Amino acid sequence: MSYVLSFHRFYRSGARFRHAWRPRWRIIRRIFYLGWPKGLEQMLQSGLFATIALLIGWRLGVEAIASHIIALQVYSVTYMVIPWTIASAVTTRVGIASGADDYTQMWRILNAGLLVFFFFLLPLAALLKIFSPWVVMLFLGSDLKAQTLLPIASPLLVIVAFFILANGLRTIAGQALNGLSDMRMPALMMGLGYWGIGFPAALVFGLGMDFGILGFWWELTVGMAAIRILYLARFRWLVERLSAAAPGNGLLSRHSLDKRESSNQYFLDISYCLPGTGFRSRLHGNDVPPCRNDGRGFTETKNFWLFRKIRG
């Protein structure tokens, strides 16, 4: 970044940053509009896990809360390594397909993300089920007093494997919706699944029916599965709606976008081919040239990055 800002000819003069301090309120409002539902999702999720931890520690004792912390650590590491990374890639690819109005490709991207997720997570879930006592021992060490947690924590990790599976599917489907700029409805669905289904069921099974911490985690898994079903139904409905509203039966119909906010702004002019579509997507400008088909599918014929000043 320092090299680009110091030596690149576009940034060298500093004229591009002359009015950088001026707020672009329309852009700020758009960022806030897209961002506040994600903040609500994080608050709902963090609040649920914090509430569950308080209830477990208050009603079920020290051994149960210690097992709960071990389960959370295993879940957190696994979630960030596999589901979240795949979901981030799905968001980017769905966003590109949405900008190109390629609605068929959106389903392919989501299905590919789910397939990659299953490829990596199913073996991991099997390992957690088989080697759950060894995983628990990594946290407990060789202390004899710590061995009392094994009967609680080992079965819990088996449930955590199912929880990771359900939550990973939910995350990928939710991030696909975010790629379509659908933010508010997924947040409401998450609130319904977490606090309307998962939390009451966890109270009933965990405390009312004396299943203990295993009942809490099983019903959290059920809540995750419910959210996943809602997300997939929402994604299907959105794609079909957008496809029906777009000209050309949902094929790539928007070859260019010409958005000019004011008379003294610099715009990034990017032209690139979308793999497998045969169309060129361009963020600014008209007269979009077609892509070249070399017999192996449509490939890029020319890439260029151009900053230019738009005059009113």
Foldseek 3Di string as FASTA:
>chain_A
DVCCCPDPPVNPVVPQCPCVVDDDVVVVVVCCVLPPLVVLLVCLVVVLLVVVLVCQCVPPHDLQSVLVVLLVVVLVVVCVPALVVLLVVLLVVLLVCVLQLQLVVNVVSLVVSLVSRCVPLVVVLVCLLVCVLVSQCVVQPDDPVSVVSSVPNSVLSNLSSLLSSLQSLLSNLVSSCVSNSNRNVLSVLLNCLRVVFQVVQLCCQQPVVVPNSSSNSNSNSVSSNSSSVVSVVVSVVVSCVSQVPDPPSSARDDQEDADDDAAFHKDKWWWADDWQRQGIHIDHDDPGDTFDDPPVTTHTDDIDIDIDGHGD
